[in-house]
Every structure is written in structure tokens, then in C-alpha cells.
């Protein structure tokens, strides 16, 4: 009974070691992201940077913004709309590529050969 009263008055406390662990992991992933800048430009470098960015953002949202300790319904309510927007952006990118390739194909086609006009005398 006393423990319940104590939790109600002080709220939920998280151990400090979790924050220090996540801070260390963020430092490691930031170092990896920085070192990825020294790779040659290409899809591998870009993929590494995006992966490190997503991992770091996930740790920050989960631990430092206390999302890991929230109810599942609240997590879905907060993270659902951005995920839906990212899916829609991906679909629009695919559609944009299709439209671009269709236009390139249409406008790069040689003009149709016309029959020479007959002269009327």
C-alpha cells in the first residue's frame, strides 16, 4: 500500500542507466553516420546514413520522449500518421517515376514518317 502511494506521488521513475546506455548508443551510431560520409557516393552510403538516422530517431522517440513506456494505443496514435504519410510519399515516388519514364518514352519517340505531299498541276 505504501509503495502504491509513493508511486502515485512521484510518478513513474526510470533507471538512469537506460538513459546512459541510449546516450552511448546514440554516440556510436552518430560516429557511424559520420564515418559513412567518407565512403564513395552511392546507394550504399545513402542507405547507411538513412539507417543510422532512423535508428537514432527511434531511440530518441522511444527513450528520451518516453514513448516506450506509453500505452500501445497512444503509440499507434502518435506514430501511425507519420508512417501513413511515409507510405503515401513512397507510393507517389513510384508513381512519379512511372510518369517520368512514360513521358521520356513518349517524347523521345521519332516523329511519324509522313508520305510526301503530291503536287497538283
PDB file of N, CA and C in Angstrom:
ATOM      1  N   UNK A   1       0.823  -1.195   0.000  1.00  0.00           N
ATOM      2  CA  UNK A   1       0.000   0.000   0.000  1.00  0.00           C
ATOM      3  C   UNK A   1       0.862   1.251   0.000  1.00  0.00           C
ATOM      4  N   UNK A   2       1.951   1.215   0.788  1.00  0.00           N
ATOM      5  CA  UNK A   2       2.828   2.383   0.844  1.00  0.00           C
ATOM      6  C   UNK A   2       3.549   2.593  -0.472  1.00  0.00           C
ATOM      7  N   UNK A   3       3.899   1.491  -1.146  1.00  0.00           N
ATOM      8  CA  UNK A   3       4.572   1.614  -2.435  1.00  0.00           C
ATOM      9  C   UNK A   3       3.657   2.247  -3.461  1.00  0.00           C
ATOM     10  N   UNK A   4       2.384   1.860  -3.463  1.00  0.00           N
ATOM     11  CA  UNK A   4       1.427   2.424  -4.405  1.00  0.00           C
ATOM     12  C   UNK A   4       1.267   3.920  -4.181  1.00  0.00           C
ATOM     13  N   UNK A   5       1.174   4.307  -2.911  1.00  0.00           N
ATOM     14  CA  UNK A   5       1.052   5.728  -2.605  1.00  0.00           C
ATOM     15  C   UNK A   5       2.307   6.495  -3.049  1.00  0.00           C
ATOM     16  N   UNK A   6       3.474   5.865  -2.862  1.00  0.00           N
ATOM     17  CA  UNK A   6       4.723   6.519  -3.253  1.00  0.00           C
ATOM     18  C   UNK A   6       4.793   6.680  -4.769  1.00  0.00           C
ATOM     19  N   UNK A   7       4.360   5.646  -5.527  1.00  0.00           N
ATOM     20  CA  UNK A   7       4.367   5.748  -6.998  1.00  0.00           C
ATOM     21  C   UNK A   7       3.400   6.810  -7.484  1.00  0.00           C
ATOM     22  N   UNK A   8       2.251   6.933  -6.772  1.00  0.00           N
ATOM     23  CA  UNK A   8       1.279   7.930  -7.193  1.00  0.00           C
ATOM     24  C   UNK A   8       1.791   9.338  -6.980  1.00  0.00           C
ATOM     25  N   UNK A   9       2.550   9.532  -5.901  1.00  0.00           N
ATOM     26  CA  UNK A   9       3.000  10.887  -5.597  1.00  0.00           C
ATOM     27  C   UNK A   9       4.211  11.297  -6.432  1.00  0.00           C
ATOM     28  N   UNK A  10       5.074  10.339  -6.774  1.00  0.00           N
ATOM     29  CA  UNK A  10       6.282  10.692  -7.507  1.00  0.00           C
ATOM     30  C   UNK A  10       6.224  10.324  -8.983  1.00  0.00           C
ATOM     31  N   UNK A  11       5.215   9.609  -9.430  1.00  0.00           N
ATOM     32  CA  UNK A  11       5.124   9.205 -10.828  1.00  0.00           C
ATOM     33  C   UNK A  11       6.053   8.051 -11.123  1.00  0.00           C
ATOM     34  N   UNK A  12       6.119   7.694 -12.388  1.00  0.00           N
ATOM     35  CA  UNK A  12       6.940   6.566 -12.800  1.00  0.00           C
ATOM     36  C   UNK A  12       8.380   7.018 -12.979  1.00  0.00           C
ATOM     37  N   UNK A  13       9.303   6.280 -12.353  1.00  0.00           N
ATOM     38  CA  UNK A  13      10.722   6.612 -12.450  1.00  0.00           C
ATOM     39  C   UNK A  13      11.427   5.561 -13.282  1.00  0.00           C
ATOM     40  N   UNK A  14      12.303   5.979 -14.144  1.00  0.00           N
ATOM     41  CA  UNK A  14      13.086   5.073 -14.968  1.00  0.00           C
ATOM     42  C   UNK A  14      14.529   5.122 -14.490  1.00  0.00           C
ATOM     43  N   UNK A  15      15.201   3.980 -14.549  1.00  0.00           N
ATOM     44  CA  UNK A  15      16.595   3.988 -14.079  1.00  0.00           C
ATOM     45  C   UNK A  15      17.478   4.853 -14.972  1.00  0.00           C
ATOM     46  N   UNK A  16      18.428   5.496 -14.369  1.00  0.00           N
ATOM     47  CA  UNK A  16      19.325   6.392 -15.099  1.00  0.00           C
ATOM     48  C   UNK A  16      20.204   5.620 -16.070  1.00  0.00           C
ATOM     49  N   UNK A  17      20.443   4.329 -15.752  1.00  0.00           N
ATOM     50  CA  UNK A  17      21.332   3.544 -16.624  1.00  0.00           C
ATOM     51  C   UNK A  17      20.769   3.399 -18.036  1.00  0.00           C
ATOM     52  N   UNK A  18      19.442   3.371 -18.177  1.00  0.00           N
ATOM     53  CA  UNK A  18      18.851   3.276 -19.523  1.00  0.00           C
ATOM     54  C   UNK A  18      19.227   4.502 -20.343  1.00  0.00           C
ATOM     55  N   UNK A  19      19.126   5.666 -19.739  1.00  0.00           N
ATOM     56  CA  UNK A  19      19.452   6.899 -20.463  1.00  0.00           C
ATOM     57  C   UNK A  19      20.933   6.939 -20.845  1.00  0.00           C
ATOM     58  N   UNK A  20      21.778   6.481 -19.942  1.00  0.00           N
ATOM     59  CA  UNK A  20      23.214   6.477 -20.246  1.00  0.00           C
ATOM     60  C   UNK A  20      23.536   5.469 -21.348  1.00  0.00           C
ATOM     61  N   UNK A  21      22.873   4.316 -21.317  1.00  0.00           N
ATOM     62  CA  UNK A  21      23.070   3.320 -22.379  1.00  0.00           C
ATOM     63  C   UNK A  21      22.636   3.876 -23.738  1.00  0.00           C
ATOM     64  N   UNK A  22      21.484   4.481 -23.762  1.00  0.00           N
ATOM     65  CA  UNK A  22      20.977   5.028 -25.037  1.00  0.00           C
ATOM     66  C   UNK A  22      21.855   6.180 -25.491  1.00  0.00           C
ATOM     67  N   UNK A  23      22.330   6.986 -24.564  1.00  0.00           N
ATOM     68  CA  UNK A  23      23.225   8.076 -24.934  1.00  0.00           C
ATOM     69  C   UNK A  23      24.491   7.506 -25.574  1.00  0.00           C
ATOM     70  N   UNK A  24      25.046   6.428 -25.021  1.00  0.00           N
ATOM     71  CA  UNK A  24      26.217   5.775 -25.604  1.00  0.00           C
ATOM     72  C   UNK A  24      25.932   5.207 -26.978  1.00  0.00           C
ATOM     73  N   UNK A  25      24.752   4.569 -27.120  1.00  0.00           N
ATOM     74  CA  UNK A  25      24.391   4.028 -28.438  1.00  0.00           C
ATOM     75  C   UNK A  25      24.208   5.144 -29.465  1.00  0.00           C
ATOM     76  N   UNK A  26      23.626   6.256 -29.046  1.00  0.00           N
ATOM     77  CA  UNK A  26      23.472   7.388 -29.970  1.00  0.00           C
ATOM     78  C   UNK A  26      24.838   7.916 -30.398  1.00  0.00           C
ATOM     79  N   UNK A  27      25.778   7.933 -29.476  1.00  0.00           N
ATOM     80  CA  UNK A  27      27.131   8.370 -29.815  1.00  0.00           C
ATOM     81  C   UNK A  27      27.759   7.417 -30.821  1.00  0.00           C
ATOM     82  N   UNK A  28      27.580   6.108 -30.623  1.00  0.00           N
ATOM     83  CA  UNK A  28      28.146   5.112 -31.553  1.00  0.00           C
ATOM     84  C   UNK A  28      27.511   5.250 -32.936  1.00  0.00           C
ATOM     85  N   UNK A  29      26.190   5.369 -32.987  1.00  0.00           N
ATOM     86  CA  UNK A  29      25.520   5.488 -34.286  1.00  0.00           C
ATOM     87  C   UNK A  29      25.846   6.821 -34.959  1.00  0.00           C
ATOM     88  N   UNK A  30      26.016   7.873 -34.191  1.00  0.00           N
ATOM     89  CA  UNK A  30      26.416   9.152 -34.783  1.00  0.00           C
ATOM     90  C   UNK A  30      27.822   9.055 -35.368  1.00  0.00           C
ATOM     91  N   UNK A  31      28.704   8.351 -34.681  1.00  0.00           N
ATOM     92  CA  UNK A  31      30.048   8.140 -35.217  1.00  0.00           C
ATOM     93  C   UNK A  31      29.990   7.333 -36.511  1.00  0.00           C
ATOM     94  N   UNK A  32      29.156   6.296 -36.535  1.00  0.00           N
ATOM     95  CA  UNK A  32      28.985   5.515 -37.765  1.00  0.00           C
ATOM     96  C   UNK A  32      28.430   6.346 -38.893  1.00  0.00           C
ATOM     97  N   UNK A  33      27.491   7.199 -38.591  1.00  0.00           N
ATOM     98  CA  UNK A  33      26.917   8.070 -39.617  1.00  0.00           C
ATOM     99  C   UNK A  33      27.965   9.046 -40.140  1.00  0.00           C
ATOM    100  N   UNK A  34      28.792   9.557 -39.223  1.00  0.00           N
ATOM    101  CA  UNK A  34      29.847  10.473 -39.639  1.00  0.00           C
ATOM    102  C   UNK A  34      30.874   9.758 -40.513  1.00  0.00           C
ATOM    103  N   UNK A  35      31.243   8.530 -40.131  1.00  0.00           N
ATOM    104  CA  UNK A  35      32.218   7.771 -40.916  1.00  0.00           C
ATOM    105  C   UNK A  35      31.647   7.364 -42.271  1.00  0.00           C
ATOM    106  N   UNK A  36      30.343   7.209 -42.361  1.00  0.00           N
ATOM    107  CA  UNK A  36      29.723   6.866 -43.653  1.00  0.00           C
ATOM    108  C   UNK A  36      29.909   7.991 -44.672  1.00  0.00           C
ATOM    109  N   UNK A  37      30.113   9.206 -44.177  1.00  0.00           N
ATOM    110  CA  UNK A  37      30.347  10.328 -45.104  1.00  0.00           C
ATOM    111  C   UNK A  37      31.649  10.170 -45.868  1.00  0.00           C
ATOM    112  N   UNK A  38      32.572   9.365 -45.373  1.00  0.00           N
ATOM    113  CA  UNK A  38      33.843   9.181 -46.066  1.00  0.00           C
ATOM    114  C   UNK A  38      33.766   8.122 -47.162  1.00  0.00           C
ATOM    115  N   UNK A  39      32.666   7.399 -47.251  1.00  0.00           N
ATOM    116  CA  UNK A  39      32.500   6.411 -48.322  1.00  0.00           C
ATOM    117  C   UNK A  39      32.212   7.121 -49.639  1.00  0.00           C
ATOM    118  N   UNK A  40      32.391   6.368 -50.723  1.00  0.00           N
ATOM    119  CA  UNK A  40      32.073   6.934 -52.026  1.00  0.00           C
ATOM    120  C   UNK A  40      30.577   7.176 -52.121  1.00  0.00           C
ATOM    121  N   UNK A  41      30.214   8.200 -52.899  1.00  0.00           N
ATOM    122  CA  UNK A  41      28.804   8.499 -53.084  1.00  0.00           C
ATOM    123  C   UNK A  41      28.142   7.334 -53.804  1.00  0.00           C
ATOM    124  N   UNK A  42      26.985   6.974 -53.350  1.00  0.00           N
ATOM    125  CA  UNK A  42      26.251   5.884 -53.965  1.00  0.00           C
ATOM    126  C   UNK A  42      25.136   5.414 -53.055  1.00  0.00           C
ATOM    127  N   UNK A  43      24.465   4.364 -53.478  1.00  0.00           N
ATOM    128  CA  UNK A  43      23.310   3.883 -52.719  1.00  0.00           C
ATOM    129  C   UNK A  43      23.720   3.305 -51.379  1.00  0.00           C
ATOM    130  N   UNK A  44      24.910   2.682 -51.276  1.00  0.00           N
ATOM    131  CA  UNK A  44      25.335   2.085 -50.010  1.00  0.00           C
ATOM    132  C   UNK A  44      25.554   3.156 -48.949  1.00  0.00           C
ATOM    133  N   UNK A  45      26.209   4.237 -49.335  1.00  0.00           N
ATOM    134  CA  UNK A  45      26.447   5.338 -48.402  1.00  0.00           C
ATOM    135  C   UNK A  45      25.130   5.962 -47.958  1.00  0.00           C
ATOM    136  N   UNK A  46      24.251   6.203 -48.916  1.00  0.00           N
ATOM    137  CA  UNK A  46      22.957   6.787 -48.591  1.00  0.00           C
ATOM    138  C   UNK A  46      22.140   5.855 -47.700  1.00  0.00           C
ATOM    139  N   UNK A  47      22.177   4.560 -47.995  1.00  0.00           N
ATOM    140  CA  UNK A  47      21.432   3.604 -47.167  1.00  0.00           C
ATOM    141  C   UNK A  47      21.972   3.575 -45.743  1.00  0.00           C
ATOM    142  N   UNK A  48      23.293   3.607 -45.587  1.00  0.00           N
ATOM    143  CA  UNK A  48      23.867   3.618 -44.241  1.00  0.00           C
ATOM    144  C   UNK A  48      23.444   4.856 -43.456  1.00  0.00           C
ATOM    145  N   UNK A  49      23.503   6.000 -44.107  1.00  0.00           N
ATOM    146  CA  UNK A  49      23.130   7.244 -43.419  1.00  0.00           C
ATOM    147  C   UNK A  49      21.661   7.212 -43.012  1.00  0.00           C
ATOM    148  N   UNK A  50      20.795   6.732 -43.898  1.00  0.00           N
ATOM    149  CA  UNK A  50      19.364   6.680 -43.577  1.00  0.00           C
ATOM    150  C   UNK A  50      19.096   5.669 -42.464  1.00  0.00           C
ATOM    151  N   UNK A  51      19.776   4.530 -42.499  1.00  0.00           N
ATOM    152  CA  UNK A  51      19.589   3.522 -41.442  1.00  0.00           C
ATOM    153  C   UNK A  51      20.031   4.074 -40.095  1.00  0.00           C
ATOM    154  N   UNK A  52      21.211   4.700 -40.053  1.00  0.00           N
ATOM    155  CA  UNK A  52      21.667   5.295 -38.792  1.00  0.00           C
ATOM    156  C   UNK A  52      20.699   6.370 -38.312  1.00  0.00           C
ATOM    157  N   UNK A  53      20.176   7.166 -39.238  1.00  0.00           N
ATOM    158  CA  UNK A  53      19.252   8.234 -38.883  1.00  0.00           C
ATOM    159  C   UNK A  53      17.968   7.664 -38.283  1.00  0.00           C
ATOM    160  N   UNK A  54      17.436   6.605 -38.898  1.00  0.00           N
ATOM    161  CA  UNK A  54      16.199   6.006 -38.395  1.00  0.00           C
ATOM    162  C   UNK A  54      16.417   5.362 -37.028  1.00  0.00           C
ATOM    163  N   UNK A  55      17.545   4.692 -36.856  1.00  0.00           N
ATOM    164  CA  UNK A  55      17.837   4.064 -35.564  1.00  0.00           C
ATOM    165  C   UNK A  55      17.951   5.127 -34.471  1.00  0.00           C
ATOM    166  N   UNK A  56      18.684   6.199 -34.762  1.00  0.00           N
ATOM    167  CA  UNK A  56      18.842   7.253 -33.756  1.00  0.00           C
ATOM    168  C   UNK A  56      17.500   7.913 -33.430  1.00  0.00           C
ATOM    169  N   UNK A  57      16.693   8.177 -34.445  1.00  0.00           N
ATOM    170  CA  UNK A  57      15.385   8.788 -34.202  1.00  0.00           C
ATOM    171  C   UNK A  57      14.503   7.851 -33.379  1.00  0.00           C
ATOM    172  N   UNK A  58      14.575   6.563 -33.660  1.00  0.00           N
ATOM    173  CA  UNK A  58      13.795   5.601 -32.892  1.00  0.00           C
ATOM    174  C   UNK A  58      14.190   5.574 -31.430  1.00  0.00           C
ATOM    175  N   UNK A  59      15.496   5.593 -31.155  1.00  0.00           N
ATOM    176  CA  UNK A  59      15.952   5.622 -29.755  1.00  0.00           C
ATOM    177  C   UNK A  59      15.510   6.905 -29.060  1.00  0.00           C
ATOM    178  N   UNK A  60      15.615   8.016 -29.740  1.00  0.00           N
ATOM    179  CA  UNK A  60      15.235   9.289 -29.119  1.00  0.00           C
ATOM    180  C   UNK A  60      13.747   9.311 -28.809  1.00  0.00           C
ATOM    181  N   UNK A  61      12.930   8.870 -29.767  1.00  0.00           N
ATOM    182  CA  UNK A  61      11.485   8.870 -29.538  1.00  0.00           C
ATOM    183  C   UNK A  61      11.115   7.859 -28.455  1.00  0.00           C
ATOM    184  N   UNK A  62      11.717   6.685 -28.489  1.00  0.00           N
ATOM    185  CA  UNK A  62      11.337   5.634 -27.545  1.00  0.00           C
ATOM    186  C   UNK A  62      11.780   5.938 -26.120  1.00  0.00           C
ATOM    187  N   UNK A  63      12.995   6.389 -25.949  1.00  0.00           N
ATOM    188  CA  UNK A  63      13.533   6.535 -24.588  1.00  0.00           C
ATOM    189  C   UNK A  63      13.430   7.969 -24.085  1.00  0.00           C
ATOM    190  N   UNK A  64      13.973   8.915 -24.837  1.00  0.00           N
ATOM    191  CA  UNK A  64      14.009  10.280 -24.316  1.00  0.00           C
ATOM    192  C   UNK A  64      12.650  10.965 -24.365  1.00  0.00           C
ATOM    193  N   UNK A  65      11.787  10.547 -25.287  1.00  0.00           N
ATOM    194  CA  UNK A  65      10.432  11.096 -25.322  1.00  0.00           C
ATOM    195  C   UNK A  65       9.446  10.170 -24.607  1.00  0.00           C
ATOM    196  N   UNK A  66       9.956   9.136 -23.941  1.00  0.00           N
ATOM    197  CA  UNK A  66       9.195   8.223 -23.083  1.00  0.00           C
ATOM    198  C   UNK A  66       8.119   7.458 -23.839  1.00  0.00           C
ATOM    199  N   UNK A  67       8.265   7.274 -25.150  1.00  0.00           N
ATOM    200  CA  UNK A  67       7.254   6.554 -25.917  1.00  0.00           C
ATOM    201  C   UNK A  67       7.243   5.066 -25.569  1.00  0.00           C
ATOM    202  N   UNK A  68       8.359   4.526 -25.124  1.00  0.00           N
ATOM    203  CA  UNK A  68       8.445   3.093 -24.808  1.00  0.00           C
ATOM    204  C   UNK A  68       7.585   2.732 -23.610  1.00  0.00           C
ATOM    205  N   UNK A  69       7.269   3.705 -22.773  1.00  0.00           N
ATOM    206  CA  UNK A  69       6.502   3.414 -21.568  1.00  0.00           C
ATOM    207  C   UNK A  69       5.054   3.843 -21.699  1.00  0.00           C
ATOM    208  N   UNK A  70       4.659   4.271 -22.867  1.00  0.00           N
ATOM    209  CA  UNK A  70       3.274   4.697 -23.069  1.00  0.00           C
ATOM    210  C   UNK A  70       2.400   3.506 -23.437  1.00  0.00           C
ATOM    211  N   UNK A  71       1.095   3.719 -23.416  1.00  0.00           N
ATOM    212  CA  UNK A  71       0.161   2.678 -23.832  1.00  0.00           C
ATOM    213  C   UNK A  71       0.275   2.469 -25.329  1.00  0.00           C
ATOM    214  N   UNK A  72      -0.048   1.246 -25.754  1.00  0.00           N
ATOM    215  CA  UNK A  72       0.071   0.903 -27.167  1.00  0.00           C
ATOM    216  C   UNK A  72      -0.849   1.762 -28.044  1.00  0.00           C
ATOM    217  N   UNK A  73      -2.033   2.081 -27.540  1.00  0.00           N
ATOM    218  CA  UNK A  73      -2.968   2.898 -28.318  1.00  0.00           C
ATOM    219  C   UNK A  73      -2.388   4.298 -28.561  1.00  0.00           C
ATOM    220  N   UNK A  74      -1.723   4.850 -27.560  1.00  0.00           N
ATOM    221  CA  UNK A  74      -1.125   6.175 -27.727  1.00  0.00           C
ATOM    222  C   UNK A  74       0.058   6.120 -28.694  1.00  0.00           C
ATOM    223  N   UNK A  75       0.819   5.032 -28.617  1.00  0.00           N
ATOM    224  CA  UNK A  75       1.940   4.866 -29.550  1.00  0.00           C
ATOM    225  C   UNK A  75       1.423   4.819 -30.987  1.00  0.00           C
ATOM    226  N   UNK A  76       0.352   4.051 -31.213  1.00  0.00           N
ATOM    227  CA  UNK A  76      -0.222   3.985 -32.560  1.00  0.00           C
ATOM    228  C   UNK A  76      -0.796   5.333 -32.982  1.00  0.00           C
ATOM    229  N   UNK A  77      -1.408   6.047 -32.038  1.00  0.00           N
ATOM    230  CA  UNK A  77      -1.996   7.345 -32.371  1.00  0.00           C
ATOM    231  C   UNK A  77      -0.933   8.361 -32.755  1.00  0.00           C
ATOM    232  N   UNK A  78       0.245   8.273 -32.162  1.00  0.00           N
ATOM    233  CA  UNK A  78       1.305   9.243 -32.452  1.00  0.00           C
ATOM    234  C   UNK A  78       2.125   8.823 -33.660  1.00  0.00           C
ATOM    235  N   UNK A  79       2.468   7.542 -33.745  1.00  0.00           N
ATOM    236  CA  UNK A  79       3.345   7.095 -34.820  1.00  0.00           C
ATOM    237  C   UNK A  79       2.597   6.686 -36.082  1.00  0.00           C
ATOM    238  N   UNK A  80       1.304   6.445 -35.992  1.00  0.00           N
ATOM    239  CA  UNK A  80       0.535   6.000 -37.159  1.00  0.00           C
ATOM    240  C   UNK A  80       0.490   7.004 -38.293  1.00  0.00           C
ATOM    241  N   UNK A  81       0.092   8.250 -38.033  1.00  0.00           N
ATOM    242  CA  UNK A  81       0.013   9.217 -39.140  1.00  0.00           C
ATOM    243  C   UNK A  81       1.345   9.449 -39.873  1.00  0.00           C
ATOM    244  N   UNK A  82       2.482   9.595 -39.181  1.00  0.00           N
ATOM    245  CA  UNK A  82       3.727   9.742 -39.955  1.00  0.00           C
ATOM    246  C   UNK A  82       4.058   8.514 -40.795  1.00  0.00           C
ATOM    247  N   UNK A  83       3.737   7.322 -40.288  1.00  0.00           N
ATOM    248  CA  UNK A  83       4.007   6.111 -41.078  1.00  0.00           C
ATOM    249  C   UNK A  83       3.128   6.086 -42.323  1.00  0.00           C
ATOM    250  N   UNK A  84       1.868   6.459 -42.164  1.00  0.00           N
ATOM    251  CA  UNK A  84       0.963   6.503 -43.319  1.00  0.00           C
ATOM    252  C   UNK A  84       1.462   7.533 -44.329  1.00  0.00           C
ATOM    253  N   UNK A  85       1.925   8.685 -43.844  1.00  0.00           N
ATOM    254  CA  UNK A  85       2.450   9.707 -44.763  1.00  0.00           C
ATOM    255  C   UNK A  85       3.683   9.191 -45.510  1.00  0.00           C
ATOM    256  N   UNK A  86       4.560   8.463 -44.809  1.00  0.00           N
ATOM    257  CA  UNK A  86       5.745   7.923 -45.484  1.00  0.00           C
ATOM    258  C   UNK A  86       5.355   6.899 -46.547  1.00  0.00           C
ATOM    259  N   UNK A  87       4.356   6.084 -46.265  1.00  0.00           N
ATOM    260  CA  UNK A  87       3.886   5.113 -47.266  1.00  0.00           C
ATOM    261  C   UNK A  87       3.324   5.854 -48.478  1.00  0.00           C
ATOM    262  N   UNK A  88       2.531   6.895 -48.236  1.00  0.00           N
ATOM    263  CA  UNK A  88       1.968   7.656 -49.355  1.00  0.00           C
ATOM    264  C   UNK A  88       3.064   8.354 -50.153  1.00  0.00           C
ATOM    265  N   UNK A  89       4.080   8.879 -49.473  1.00  0.00           N
ATOM    266  CA  UNK A  89       5.195   9.505 -50.187  1.00  0.00           C
ATOM    267  C   UNK A  89       5.909   8.474 -51.054  1.00  0.00           C
ATOM    268  N   UNK A  90       6.082   7.270 -50.530  1.00  0.00           N
ATOM    269  CA  UNK A  90       6.704   6.201 -51.317  1.00  0.00           C
ATOM    270  C   UNK A  90       5.879   5.843 -52.538  1.00  0.00           C
ATOM    271  N   UNK A  91       4.568   5.754 -52.357  1.00  0.00           N
ATOM    272  CA  UNK A  91       3.694   5.450 -53.497  1.00  0.00           C
ATOM    273  C   UNK A  91       3.749   6.562 -54.535  1.00  0.00           C
ATOM    274  N   UNK A  92       3.793   7.818 -54.079  1.00  0.00           N
ATOM    275  CA  UNK A  92       3.874   8.936 -55.033  1.00  0.00           C
ATOM    276  C   UNK A  92       5.213   8.926 -55.759  1.00  0.00           C
ATOM    277  N   UNK A  93       6.277   8.520 -55.086  1.00  0.00           N
ATOM    278  CA  UNK A  93       7.583   8.438 -55.748  1.00  0.00           C
ATOM    279  C   UNK A  93       7.567   7.379 -56.842  1.00  0.00           C
ATOM    280  N   UNK A  94       6.940   6.246 -56.565  1.00  0.00           N
ATOM    281  CA  UNK A  94       6.823   5.193 -57.586  1.00  0.00           C
ATOM    282  C   UNK A  94       5.979   5.692 -58.747  1.00  0.00           C
ATOM    283  N   UNK A  95       4.877   6.346 -58.445  1.00  0.00           N
ATOM    284  CA  UNK A  95       4.012   6.884 -59.498  1.00  0.00           C
ATOM    285  C   UNK A  95       4.754   7.964 -60.299  1.00  0.00           C
ATOM    286  N   UNK A  96       5.526   8.792 -59.612  1.00  0.00           N
ATOM    287  CA  UNK A  96       6.290   9.831 -60.307  1.00  0.00           C
ATOM    288  C   UNK A  96       7.323   9.237 -61.252  1.00  0.00           C
ATOM    289  N   UNK A  97       7.980   8.170 -60.830  1.00  0.00           N
ATOM    290  CA  UNK A  97       8.933   7.504 -61.719  1.00  0.00           C
ATOM    291  C   UNK A  97       8.225   6.945 -62.941  1.00  0.00           C
ATOM    292  N   UNK A  98       7.061   6.346 -62.748  1.00  0.00           N
ATOM    293  CA  UNK A  98       6.307   5.798 -63.880  1.00  0.00           C
ATOM    294  C   UNK A  98       5.919   6.915 -64.847  1.00  0.00           C
ATOM    295  N   UNK A  99       5.442   8.034 -64.309  1.00  0.00           N
ATOM    296  CA  UNK A  99       5.046   9.156 -65.160  1.00  0.00           C
ATOM    297  C   UNK A  99       6.254   9.718 -65.912  1.00  0.00           C
ATOM    298  N   UNK A 100       7.383   9.855 -65.216  1.00  0.00           N
ATOM    299  CA  UNK A 100       8.585  10.376 -65.865  1.00  0.00           C
ATOM    300  C   UNK A 100       9.047   9.444 -66.986  1.00  0.00           C
ATOM    301  N   UNK A 101       9.085   8.163 -66.712  1.00  0.00           N
ATOM    302  CA  UNK A 101       9.526   7.214 -67.739  1.00  0.00           C
ATOM    303  C   UNK A 101       8.555   7.174 -68.918  1.00  0.00           C
ATOM    304  N   UNK A 102       7.260   7.311 -68.645  1.00  0.00           N
ATOM    305  CA  UNK A 102       6.274   7.337 -69.730  1.00  0.00           C
ATOM    306  C   UNK A 102       6.473   8.578 -70.600  1.00  0.00           C
ATOM    307  N   UNK A 103       6.718   9.720 -69.981  1.00  0.00           N
ATOM    308  CA  UNK A 103       6.933  10.954 -70.753  1.00  0.00           C
ATOM    309  C   UNK A 103       8.226  10.873 -71.565  1.00  0.00           C
ATOM    310  N   UNK A 104       9.273  10.335 -70.959  1.00  0.00           N
ATOM    311  CA  UNK A 104      10.535  10.194 -71.696  1.00  0.00           C
ATOM    312  C   UNK A 104      10.331   9.281 -72.893  1.00  0.00           C
ATOM    313  N   UNK A 105       9.623   8.195 -72.700  1.00  0.00           N
ATOM    314  CA  UNK A 105       9.359   7.266 -73.793  1.00  0.00           C
ATOM    315  C   UNK A 105       8.510   7.924 -74.869  1.00  0.00           C
ATOM    316  N   UNK A 106       7.492   8.691 -74.479  1.00  0.00           N
ATOM    317  CA  UNK A 106       6.595   9.312 -75.456  1.00  0.00           C
ATOM    318  C   UNK A 106       7.308  10.407 -76.233  1.00  0.00           C
ATOM    319  N   UNK A 107       8.024  11.282 -75.555  1.00  0.00           N
ATOM    320  CA  UNK A 107       8.641  12.421 -76.233  1.00  0.00           C
ATOM    321  C   UNK A 107       9.933  12.061 -76.954  1.00  0.00           C
ATOM    322  N   UNK A 108      10.538  10.950 -76.646  1.00  0.00           N
ATOM    323  CA  UNK A 108      11.767  10.581 -77.341  1.00  0.00           C
ATOM    324  C   UNK A 108      11.497   9.714 -78.560  1.00  0.00           C
ATOM    325  N   UNK A 109      10.249   9.348 -78.793  1.00  0.00           N
ATOM    326  CA  UNK A 109       9.928   8.539 -79.968  1.00  0.00           C
ATOM    327  C   UNK A 109      10.131   9.384 -81.223  1.00  0.00           C
ATOM    328  N   UNK A 110      10.659   8.790 -82.279  1.00  0.00           N
ATOM    329  CA  UNK A 110      10.850   9.566 -83.509  1.00  0.00           C
ATOM    330  C   UNK A 110       9.492   9.973 -84.084  1.00  0.00           C
ATOM    331  N   UNK A 111       9.470  11.127 -84.751  1.00  0.00           N
ATOM    332  CA  UNK A 111       8.189  11.562 -85.327  1.00  0.00           C
ATOM    333  C   UNK A 111       7.751  10.586 -86.417  1.00  0.00           C
ATOM    334  N   UNK A 112       6.462  10.447 -86.570  1.00  0.00           N
ATOM    335  CA  UNK A 112       5.982   9.513 -87.596  1.00  0.00           C
ATOM    336  C   UNK A 112       6.386   9.988 -88.993  1.00  0.00           C
ATOM    337  N   UNK A 113       6.657   9.025 -89.853  1.00  0.00           N
ATOM    338  CA  UNK A 113       7.057   9.330 -91.233  1.00  0.00           C
ATOM    339  C   UNK A 113       5.798   9.649 -92.032  1.00  0.00           C
ATOM    340  N   UNK A 114       5.821  10.816 -92.626  1.00  0.00           N
ATOM    341  CA  UNK A 114       4.660  11.225 -93.427  1.00  0.00           C
ATOM    342  C   UNK A 114       4.960  10.989 -94.894  1.00  0.00           C
ATOM    343  N   UNK A 115       3.934  10.654 -95.591  1.00  0.00           N
ATOM    344  CA  UNK A 115       4.086  10.446 -97.029  1.00  0.00           C
ATOM    345  C   UNK A 115       4.300  11.799 -97.700  1.00  0.00           C
ATOM    346  N   UNK A 116       5.152  11.860 -98.700  1.00  0.00           N
ATOM    347  CA  UNK A 116       5.374  13.144 -99.375  1.00  0.00           C
ATOM    348  C   UNK A 116       4.079  13.643-100.019  1.00  0.00           C
ATOM    349  N   UNK A 117       3.919  14.930 -99.897  1.00  0.00           N
ATOM    350  CA  UNK A 117       2.703  15.532-100.454  1.00  0.00           C
ATOM    351  C   UNK A 117       2.773  15.483-101.976  1.00  0.00           C
ATOM    352  N   UNK A 118       1.642  15.169-102.573  1.00  0.00           N
ATOM    353  CA  UNK A 118       1.585  15.129-104.045  1.00  0.00           C
ATOM    354  C   UNK A 118       1.404  16.536-104.584  1.00  0.00           C
ATOM    355  N   UNK A 119       2.095  16.806-105.633  1.00  0.00           N
ATOM    356  CA  UNK A 119       1.982  18.127-106.232  1.00  0.00           C
ATOM    357  C   UNK A 119       0.803  18.135-107.203  1.00  0.00           C
ATOM    358  N   UNK A 120       0.014  19.171-107.153  1.00  0.00           N
ATOM    359  CA  UNK A 120      -1.128  19.323-108.053  1.00  0.00           C
ATOM    360  C   UNK A 120      -0.759  20.307-109.124  1.00  0.00           C
ATOM    361  N   UNK A 121      -0.830  19.872-110.401  1.00  0.00           N
ATOM    362  CA  UNK A 121      -0.503  20.769-111.524  1.00  0.00           C
ATOM    363  C   UNK A 121      -1.712  21.098-112.300  1.00  0.00           C
TER     364      UNK A 121
END
